[in-house]
ModelCIF file with pLDDT and N, C-alpha, C, O atoms, coordinates in Angstrom:
data_MODEL
#
_entry.id   MODEL 
#
_entity.id                         1 
_entity.type                       polymer 
_entity.pdbx_number_of_molecules   1 
#
_entity_poly.entity_id                      1 
_entity_poly.type                           'polypeptide(L)' 
_entity_poly.nstd_linkage                   no 
_entity_poly.nstd_monomer                   no 
_entity_poly.pdbx_seq_one_letter_code       
;(UNK)(UNK)(UNK)(UNK)(UNK)(UNK)(UNK)(UNK)(UNK)(UNK)(UNK)(UNK)(UNK)(UNK)(UNK)(UNK)
(UNK)(UNK)(UNK)(UNK)(UNK)(UNK)(UNK)(UNK)(UNK)(UNK)(UNK)(UNK)(UNK)(UNK)(UNK)(UNK)
(UNK)(UNK)(UNK)
;
_entity_poly.pdbx_seq_one_letter_code_can   XXXXXXXXXXXXXXXXXXXXXXXXXXXXXXXXXXX 
_entity_poly.pdbx_strand_id                 A 
#
loop_
_entity_poly_seq.entity_id 
_entity_poly_seq.num 
_entity_poly_seq.mon_id 
_entity_poly_seq.hetero 
1 1  UNK n 
1 2  UNK n 
1 3  UNK n 
1 4  UNK n 
1 5  UNK n 
1 6  UNK n 
1 7  UNK n 
1 8  UNK n 
1 9  UNK n 
1 10 UNK n 
1 11 UNK n 
1 12 UNK n 
1 13 UNK n 
1 14 UNK n 
1 15 UNK n 
1 16 UNK n 
1 17 UNK n 
1 18 UNK n 
1 19 UNK n 
1 20 UNK n 
1 21 UNK n 
1 22 UNK n 
1 23 UNK n 
1 24 UNK n 
1 25 UNK n 
1 26 UNK n 
1 27 UNK n 
1 28 UNK n 
1 29 UNK n 
1 30 UNK n 
1 31 UNK n 
1 32 UNK n 
1 33 UNK n 
1 34 UNK n 
1 35 UNK n 
#
_struct_asym.id          A 
_struct_asym.entity_id   1 
#
loop_
_ma_qa_metric.id 
_ma_qa_metric.mode 
_ma_qa_metric.name 
_ma_qa_metric.software_group_id 
_ma_qa_metric.type 
1 global pLDDT . pLDDT 
2 local  pLDDT . pLDDT 
#
_ma_qa_metric_global.metric_id      1 
_ma_qa_metric_global.metric_value   76.03 
_ma_qa_metric_global.model_id       1 
_ma_qa_metric_global.ordinal_id     1 
#
loop_
_ma_qa_metric_local.label_asym_id 
_ma_qa_metric_local.label_comp_id 
_ma_qa_metric_local.label_seq_id 
_ma_qa_metric_local.metric_id 
_ma_qa_metric_local.metric_value 
_ma_qa_metric_local.model_id 
_ma_qa_metric_local.ordinal_id 
A UNK 1  2 42.00 1 1  
A UNK 2  2 45.00 1 2  
A UNK 3  2 42.00 1 3  
A UNK 4  2 40.00 1 4  
A UNK 5  2 45.00 1 5  
A UNK 6  2 46.00 1 6  
A UNK 7  2 48.00 1 7  
A UNK 8  2 50.00 1 8  
A UNK 9  2 53.00 1 9  
A UNK 10 2 55.00 1 10 
A UNK 11 2 68.00 1 11 
A UNK 12 2 73.00 1 12 
A UNK 13 2 73.00 1 13 
A UNK 14 2 78.00 1 14 
A UNK 15 2 77.00 1 15 
A UNK 16 2 77.00 1 16 
A UNK 17 2 80.00 1 17 
A UNK 18 2 85.00 1 18 
A UNK 19 2 83.00 1 19 
A UNK 20 2 83.00 1 20 
A UNK 21 2 89.00 1 21 
A UNK 22 2 90.00 1 22 
A UNK 23 2 89.00 1 23 
A UNK 24 2 91.00 1 24 
A UNK 25 2 94.00 1 25 
A UNK 26 2 94.00 1 26 
A UNK 27 2 94.00 1 27 
A UNK 28 2 96.00 1 28 
A UNK 29 2 97.00 1 29 
A UNK 30 2 96.00 1 30 
A UNK 31 2 97.00 1 31 
A UNK 32 2 98.00 1 32 
A UNK 33 2 97.00 1 33 
A UNK 34 2 98.00 1 34 
A UNK 35 2 98.00 1 35 
#
loop_
_atom_site.group_PDB 
_atom_site.id 
_atom_site.type_symbol 
_atom_site.label_atom_id 
_atom_site.label_alt_id 
_atom_site.label_comp_id 
_atom_site.label_asym_id 
_atom_site.label_entity_id 
_atom_site.label_seq_id 
_atom_site.pdbx_PDB_ins_code 
_atom_site.Cartn_x 
_atom_site.Cartn_y 
_atom_site.Cartn_z 
_atom_site.occupancy 
_atom_site.B_iso_or_equiv 
_atom_site.pdbx_formal_charge 
_atom_site.auth_seq_id 
_atom_site.auth_comp_id 
_atom_site.auth_asym_id 
_atom_site.auth_atom_id 
_atom_site.pdbx_PDB_model_num 
ATOM 1   N N  . UNK A 1 1  ? 0.866   -1.181  0.000   1.00 42.00 ? 1  UNK A N  1 
ATOM 2   C CA . UNK A 1 1  ? 0.000   0.000   0.000   1.00 42.00 ? 1  UNK A CA 1 
ATOM 3   C C  . UNK A 1 1  ? 0.899   1.225   0.000   1.00 42.00 ? 1  UNK A C  1 
ATOM 4   O O  . UNK A 1 1  ? 1.753   1.393   0.870   1.00 42.00 ? 1  UNK A O  1 
ATOM 5   N N  . UNK A 1 2  ? 0.686   2.071   -0.991  1.00 45.00 ? 2  UNK A N  1 
ATOM 6   C CA . UNK A 1 2  ? 1.457   3.303   -1.080  1.00 45.00 ? 2  UNK A CA 1 
ATOM 7   C C  . UNK A 1 2  ? 0.838   4.291   -0.095  1.00 45.00 ? 2  UNK A C  1 
ATOM 8   O O  . UNK A 1 2  ? -0.239  4.833   -0.347  1.00 45.00 ? 2  UNK A O  1 
ATOM 9   N N  . UNK A 1 3  ? 1.521   4.524   1.025   1.00 42.00 ? 3  UNK A N  1 
ATOM 10  C CA . UNK A 1 3  ? 0.999   5.347   2.104   1.00 42.00 ? 3  UNK A CA 1 
ATOM 11  C C  . UNK A 1 3  ? 0.666   6.771   1.641   1.00 42.00 ? 3  UNK A C  1 
ATOM 12  O O  . UNK A 1 3  ? -0.344  7.335   2.062   1.00 42.00 ? 3  UNK A O  1 
ATOM 13  N N  . UNK A 1 4  ? 1.491   7.346   0.793   1.00 40.00 ? 4  UNK A N  1 
ATOM 14  C CA . UNK A 1 4  ? 1.278   8.727   0.391   1.00 40.00 ? 4  UNK A CA 1 
ATOM 15  C C  . UNK A 1 4  ? 0.081   8.873   -0.542  1.00 40.00 ? 4  UNK A C  1 
ATOM 16  O O  . UNK A 1 4  ? -0.684  9.829   -0.418  1.00 40.00 ? 4  UNK A O  1 
ATOM 17  N N  . UNK A 1 5  ? -0.088  7.959   -1.453  1.00 45.00 ? 5  UNK A N  1 
ATOM 18  C CA . UNK A 1 5  ? -1.174  8.048   -2.432  1.00 45.00 ? 5  UNK A CA 1 
ATOM 19  C C  . UNK A 1 5  ? -2.407  7.283   -1.979  1.00 45.00 ? 5  UNK A C  1 
ATOM 20  O O  . UNK A 1 5  ? -3.496  7.508   -2.507  1.00 45.00 ? 5  UNK A O  1 
ATOM 21  N N  . UNK A 1 6  ? -2.256  6.374   -1.001  1.00 46.00 ? 6  UNK A N  1 
ATOM 22  C CA . UNK A 1 6  ? -3.388  5.577   -0.534  1.00 46.00 ? 6  UNK A CA 1 
ATOM 23  C C  . UNK A 1 6  ? -3.867  4.580   -1.574  1.00 46.00 ? 6  UNK A C  1 
ATOM 24  O O  . UNK A 1 6  ? -5.035  4.191   -1.566  1.00 46.00 ? 6  UNK A O  1 
ATOM 25  N N  . UNK A 1 7  ? -2.979  4.160   -2.472  1.00 48.00 ? 7  UNK A N  1 
ATOM 26  C CA . UNK A 1 7  ? -3.373  3.241   -3.541  1.00 48.00 ? 7  UNK A CA 1 
ATOM 27  C C  . UNK A 1 7  ? -2.930  1.826   -3.218  1.00 48.00 ? 7  UNK A C  1 
ATOM 28  O O  . UNK A 1 7  ? -1.842  1.612   -2.685  1.00 48.00 ? 7  UNK A O  1 
ATOM 29  N N  . UNK A 1 8  ? -3.772  0.875   -3.539  1.00 50.00 ? 8  UNK A N  1 
ATOM 30  C CA . UNK A 1 8  ? -3.432  -0.537  -3.368  1.00 50.00 ? 8  UNK A CA 1 
ATOM 31  C C  . UNK A 1 8  ? -3.012  -1.068  -4.726  1.00 50.00 ? 8  UNK A C  1 
ATOM 32  O O  . UNK A 1 8  ? -3.742  -0.932  -5.708  1.00 50.00 ? 8  UNK A O  1 
ATOM 33  N N  . UNK A 1 9  ? -1.836  -1.671  -4.779  1.00 53.00 ? 9  UNK A N  1 
ATOM 34  C CA . UNK A 1 9  ? -1.354  -2.242  -6.029  1.00 53.00 ? 9  UNK A CA 1 
ATOM 35  C C  . UNK A 1 9  ? -1.221  -3.751  -5.855  1.00 53.00 ? 9  UNK A C  1 
ATOM 36  O O  . UNK A 1 9  ? -0.651  -4.220  -4.871  1.00 53.00 ? 9  UNK A O  1 
ATOM 37  N N  . UNK A 1 10 ? -1.744  -4.498  -6.804  1.00 55.00 ? 10 UNK A N  1 
ATOM 38  C CA . UNK A 1 10 ? -1.691  -5.951  -6.723  1.00 55.00 ? 10 UNK A CA 1 
ATOM 39  C C  . UNK A 1 10 ? -0.515  -6.511  -7.495  1.00 55.00 ? 10 UNK A C  1 
ATOM 40  O O  . UNK A 1 10 ? -0.091  -5.959  -8.511  1.00 55.00 ? 10 UNK A O  1 
ATOM 41  N N  . UNK A 1 11 ? -0.013  -7.586  -7.006  1.00 68.00 ? 11 UNK A N  1 
ATOM 42  C CA . UNK A 1 11 ? 1.030   -8.314  -7.704  1.00 68.00 ? 11 UNK A CA 1 
ATOM 43  C C  . UNK A 1 11 ? 0.334   -9.111  -8.807  1.00 68.00 ? 11 UNK A C  1 
ATOM 44  O O  . UNK A 1 11 ? -0.354  -10.090 -8.517  1.00 68.00 ? 11 UNK A O  1 
ATOM 45  N N  . UNK A 1 12 ? 0.504   -8.709  -10.059 1.00 73.00 ? 12 UNK A N  1 
ATOM 46  C CA . UNK A 1 12 ? -0.215  -9.318  -11.179 1.00 73.00 ? 12 UNK A CA 1 
ATOM 47  C C  . UNK A 1 12 ? 0.119   -10.793 -11.330 1.00 73.00 ? 12 UNK A C  1 
ATOM 48  O O  . UNK A 1 12 ? -0.721  -11.575 -11.774 1.00 73.00 ? 12 UNK A O  1 
ATOM 49  N N  . UNK A 1 13 ? 1.318   -11.177 -10.970 1.00 73.00 ? 13 UNK A N  1 
ATOM 50  C CA . UNK A 1 13 ? 1.686   -12.586 -11.091 1.00 73.00 ? 13 UNK A CA 1 
ATOM 51  C C  . UNK A 1 13 ? 0.936   -13.437 -10.065 1.00 73.00 ? 13 UNK A C  1 
ATOM 52  O O  . UNK A 1 13 ? 0.492   -14.542 -10.378 1.00 73.00 ? 13 UNK A O  1 
ATOM 53  N N  . UNK A 1 14 ? 0.798   -12.929 -8.857  1.00 78.00 ? 14 UNK A N  1 
ATOM 54  C CA . UNK A 1 14 ? 0.040   -13.643 -7.833  1.00 78.00 ? 14 UNK A CA 1 
ATOM 55  C C  . UNK A 1 14 ? -1.428  -13.707 -8.214  1.00 78.00 ? 14 UNK A C  1 
ATOM 56  O O  . UNK A 1 14 ? -2.076  -14.739 -8.037  1.00 78.00 ? 14 UNK A O  1 
ATOM 57  N N  . UNK A 1 15 ? -1.953  -12.609 -8.738  1.00 77.00 ? 15 UNK A N  1 
ATOM 58  C CA . UNK A 1 15 ? -3.341  -12.579 -9.192  1.00 77.00 ? 15 UNK A CA 1 
ATOM 59  C C  . UNK A 1 15 ? -3.570  -13.631 -10.278 1.00 77.00 ? 15 UNK A C  1 
ATOM 60  O O  . UNK A 1 15 ? -4.551  -14.374 -10.237 1.00 77.00 ? 15 UNK A O  1 
ATOM 61  N N  . UNK A 1 16 ? -2.661  -13.684 -11.244 1.00 77.00 ? 16 UNK A N  1 
ATOM 62  C CA . UNK A 1 16 ? -2.771  -14.658 -12.334 1.00 77.00 ? 16 UNK A CA 1 
ATOM 63  C C  . UNK A 1 16 ? -2.737  -16.085 -11.783 1.00 77.00 ? 16 UNK A C  1 
ATOM 64  O O  . UNK A 1 16 ? -3.507  -16.943 -12.214 1.00 77.00 ? 16 UNK A O  1 
ATOM 65  N N  . UNK A 1 17 ? -1.846  -16.328 -10.835 1.00 80.00 ? 17 UNK A N  1 
ATOM 66  C CA . UNK A 1 17 ? -1.731  -17.664 -10.244 1.00 80.00 ? 17 UNK A CA 1 
ATOM 67  C C  . UNK A 1 17 ? -3.016  -18.069 -9.518  1.00 80.00 ? 17 UNK A C  1 
ATOM 68  O O  . UNK A 1 17 ? -3.490  -19.195 -9.668  1.00 80.00 ? 17 UNK A O  1 
ATOM 69  N N  . UNK A 1 18 ? -3.570  -17.156 -8.740  1.00 85.00 ? 18 UNK A N  1 
ATOM 70  C CA . UNK A 1 18 ? -4.815  -17.438 -8.016  1.00 85.00 ? 18 UNK A CA 1 
ATOM 71  C C  . UNK A 1 18 ? -5.963  -17.656 -8.991  1.00 85.00 ? 18 UNK A C  1 
ATOM 72  O O  . UNK A 1 18 ? -6.750  -18.589 -8.827  1.00 85.00 ? 18 UNK A O  1 
ATOM 73  N N  . UNK A 1 19 ? -6.062  -16.809 -9.994  1.00 83.00 ? 19 UNK A N  1 
ATOM 74  C CA . UNK A 1 19 ? -7.123  -16.927 -10.995 1.00 83.00 ? 19 UNK A CA 1 
ATOM 75  C C  . UNK A 1 19 ? -7.019  -18.251 -11.750 1.00 83.00 ? 19 UNK A C  1 
ATOM 76  O O  . UNK A 1 19 ? -8.022  -18.948 -11.905 1.00 83.00 ? 19 UNK A O  1 
ATOM 77  N N  . UNK A 1 20 ? -5.836  -18.606 -12.215 1.00 83.00 ? 20 UNK A N  1 
ATOM 78  C CA . UNK A 1 20 ? -5.642  -19.850 -12.967 1.00 83.00 ? 20 UNK A CA 1 
ATOM 79  C C  . UNK A 1 20 ? -5.931  -21.074 -12.103 1.00 83.00 ? 20 UNK A C  1 
ATOM 80  O O  . UNK A 1 20 ? -6.517  -22.046 -12.580 1.00 83.00 ? 20 UNK A O  1 
ATOM 81  N N  . UNK A 1 21 ? -5.523  -21.030 -10.837 1.00 89.00 ? 21 UNK A N  1 
ATOM 82  C CA . UNK A 1 21 ? -5.798  -22.139 -9.928  1.00 89.00 ? 21 UNK A CA 1 
ATOM 83  C C  . UNK A 1 21 ? -7.300  -22.314 -9.743  1.00 89.00 ? 21 UNK A C  1 
ATOM 84  O O  . UNK A 1 21 ? -7.803  -23.437 -9.773  1.00 89.00 ? 21 UNK A O  1 
ATOM 85  N N  . UNK A 1 22 ? -8.012  -21.217 -9.554  1.00 90.00 ? 22 UNK A N  1 
ATOM 86  C CA . UNK A 1 22 ? -9.469  -21.272 -9.376  1.00 90.00 ? 22 UNK A CA 1 
ATOM 87  C C  . UNK A 1 22 ? -10.154 -21.784 -10.642 1.00 90.00 ? 22 UNK A C  1 
ATOM 88  O O  . UNK A 1 22 ? -11.048 -22.627 -10.564 1.00 90.00 ? 22 UNK A O  1 
ATOM 89  N N  . UNK A 1 23 ? -9.744  -21.284 -11.803 1.00 89.00 ? 23 UNK A N  1 
ATOM 90  C CA . UNK A 1 23 ? -10.350 -21.734 -13.065 1.00 89.00 ? 23 UNK A CA 1 
ATOM 91  C C  . UNK A 1 23 ? -10.050 -23.215 -13.319 1.00 89.00 ? 23 UNK A C  1 
ATOM 92  O O  . UNK A 1 23 ? -10.921 -23.940 -13.801 1.00 89.00 ? 23 UNK A O  1 
ATOM 93  N N  . UNK A 1 24 ? -8.849  -23.671 -13.009 1.00 91.00 ? 24 UNK A N  1 
ATOM 94  C CA . UNK A 1 24 ? -8.514  -25.097 -13.152 1.00 91.00 ? 24 UNK A CA 1 
ATOM 95  C C  . UNK A 1 24 ? -9.416  -25.951 -12.276 1.00 91.00 ? 24 UNK A C  1 
ATOM 96  O O  . UNK A 1 24 ? -9.886  -27.006 -12.702 1.00 91.00 ? 24 UNK A O  1 
ATOM 97  N N  . UNK A 1 25 ? -9.657  -25.497 -11.058 1.00 94.00 ? 25 UNK A N  1 
ATOM 98  C CA . UNK A 1 25 ? -10.521 -26.238 -10.135 1.00 94.00 ? 25 UNK A CA 1 
ATOM 99  C C  . UNK A 1 25 ? -11.953 -26.319 -10.663 1.00 94.00 ? 25 UNK A C  1 
ATOM 100 O O  . UNK A 1 25 ? -12.573 -27.381 -10.610 1.00 94.00 ? 25 UNK A O  1 
ATOM 101 N N  . UNK A 1 26 ? -12.473 -25.220 -11.163 1.00 94.00 ? 26 UNK A N  1 
ATOM 102 C CA . UNK A 1 26 ? -13.832 -25.199 -11.720 1.00 94.00 ? 26 UNK A CA 1 
ATOM 103 C C  . UNK A 1 26 ? -13.928 -26.124 -12.930 1.00 94.00 ? 26 UNK A C  1 
ATOM 104 O O  . UNK A 1 26 ? -14.898 -26.868 -13.072 1.00 94.00 ? 26 UNK A O  1 
ATOM 105 N N  . UNK A 1 27 ? -12.924 -26.076 -13.798 1.00 94.00 ? 27 UNK A N  1 
ATOM 106 C CA . UNK A 1 27 ? -12.917 -26.953 -14.978 1.00 94.00 ? 27 UNK A CA 1 
ATOM 107 C C  . UNK A 1 27 ? -12.923 -28.418 -14.554 1.00 94.00 ? 27 UNK A C  1 
ATOM 108 O O  . UNK A 1 27 ? -13.707 -29.202 -15.088 1.00 94.00 ? 27 UNK A O  1 
ATOM 109 N N  . UNK A 1 28 ? -12.078 -28.803 -13.619 1.00 96.00 ? 28 UNK A N  1 
ATOM 110 C CA . UNK A 1 28 ? -12.002 -30.199 -13.166 1.00 96.00 ? 28 UNK A CA 1 
ATOM 111 C C  . UNK A 1 28 ? -13.321 -30.667 -12.579 1.00 96.00 ? 28 UNK A C  1 
ATOM 112 O O  . UNK A 1 28 ? -13.767 -31.779 -12.861 1.00 96.00 ? 28 UNK A O  1 
ATOM 113 N N  . UNK A 1 29 ? -13.951 -29.823 -11.760 1.00 97.00 ? 29 UNK A N  1 
ATOM 114 C CA . UNK A 1 29 ? -15.235 -30.211 -11.157 1.00 97.00 ? 29 UNK A CA 1 
ATOM 115 C C  . UNK A 1 29 ? -16.327 -30.337 -12.208 1.00 97.00 ? 29 UNK A C  1 
ATOM 116 O O  . UNK A 1 29 ? -17.150 -31.251 -12.143 1.00 97.00 ? 29 UNK A O  1 
ATOM 117 N N  . UNK A 1 30 ? -16.341 -29.428 -13.171 1.00 96.00 ? 30 UNK A N  1 
ATOM 118 C CA . UNK A 1 30 ? -17.346 -29.488 -14.246 1.00 96.00 ? 30 UNK A CA 1 
ATOM 119 C C  . UNK A 1 30 ? -17.164 -30.750 -15.075 1.00 96.00 ? 30 UNK A C  1 
ATOM 120 O O  . UNK A 1 30 ? -18.135 -31.451 -15.359 1.00 96.00 ? 30 UNK A O  1 
ATOM 121 N N  . UNK A 1 31 ? -15.939 -31.044 -15.462 1.00 97.00 ? 31 UNK A N  1 
ATOM 122 C CA . UNK A 1 31 ? -15.668 -32.254 -16.252 1.00 97.00 ? 31 UNK A CA 1 
ATOM 123 C C  . UNK A 1 31 ? -15.998 -33.519 -15.461 1.00 97.00 ? 31 UNK A C  1 
ATOM 124 O O  . UNK A 1 31 ? -16.506 -34.484 -16.030 1.00 97.00 ? 31 UNK A O  1 
ATOM 125 N N  . UNK A 1 32 ? -15.719 -33.526 -14.173 1.00 98.00 ? 32 UNK A N  1 
ATOM 126 C CA . UNK A 1 32 ? -16.037 -34.678 -13.322 1.00 98.00 ? 32 UNK A CA 1 
ATOM 127 C C  . UNK A 1 32 ? -17.540 -34.964 -13.354 1.00 98.00 ? 32 UNK A C  1 
ATOM 128 O O  . UNK A 1 32 ? -17.956 -36.117 -13.467 1.00 98.00 ? 32 UNK A O  1 
ATOM 129 N N  . UNK A 1 33 ? -18.336 -33.923 -13.255 1.00 97.00 ? 33 UNK A N  1 
ATOM 130 C CA . UNK A 1 33 ? -19.795 -34.081 -13.290 1.00 97.00 ? 33 UNK A CA 1 
ATOM 131 C C  . UNK A 1 33 ? -20.251 -34.534 -14.668 1.00 97.00 ? 33 UNK A C  1 
ATOM 132 O O  . UNK A 1 33 ? -21.045 -35.467 -14.779 1.00 97.00 ? 33 UNK A O  1 
ATOM 133 N N  . UNK A 1 34 ? -19.764 -33.891 -15.714 1.00 98.00 ? 34 UNK A N  1 
ATOM 134 C CA . UNK A 1 34 ? -20.198 -34.242 -17.073 1.00 98.00 ? 34 UNK A CA 1 
ATOM 135 C C  . UNK A 1 34 ? -19.885 -35.703 -17.411 1.00 98.00 ? 34 UNK A C  1 
ATOM 136 O O  . UNK A 1 34 ? -20.676 -36.360 -18.087 1.00 98.00 ? 34 UNK A O  1 
ATOM 137 N N  . UNK A 1 35 ? -18.761 -36.207 -16.955 1.00 98.00 ? 35 UNK A N  1 
ATOM 138 C CA . UNK A 1 35 ? -18.394 -37.596 -17.238 1.00 98.00 ? 35 UNK A CA 1 
ATOM 139 C C  . UNK A 1 35 ? -19.342 -38.599 -16.582 1.00 98.00 ? 35 UNK A C  1 
ATOM 140 O O  . UNK A 1 35 ? -19.162 -39.808 -16.730 1.00 98.00 ? 35 UNK A O  1 
#
């Protein structure tokens, strides 16, 4: 958190990792049901 500007900046690589992990989990569960 940039104290002077009060802005929150995200680590894009961590965001991508979390997003991809979540999407992989959703895909696996959907495919498990469809099968």
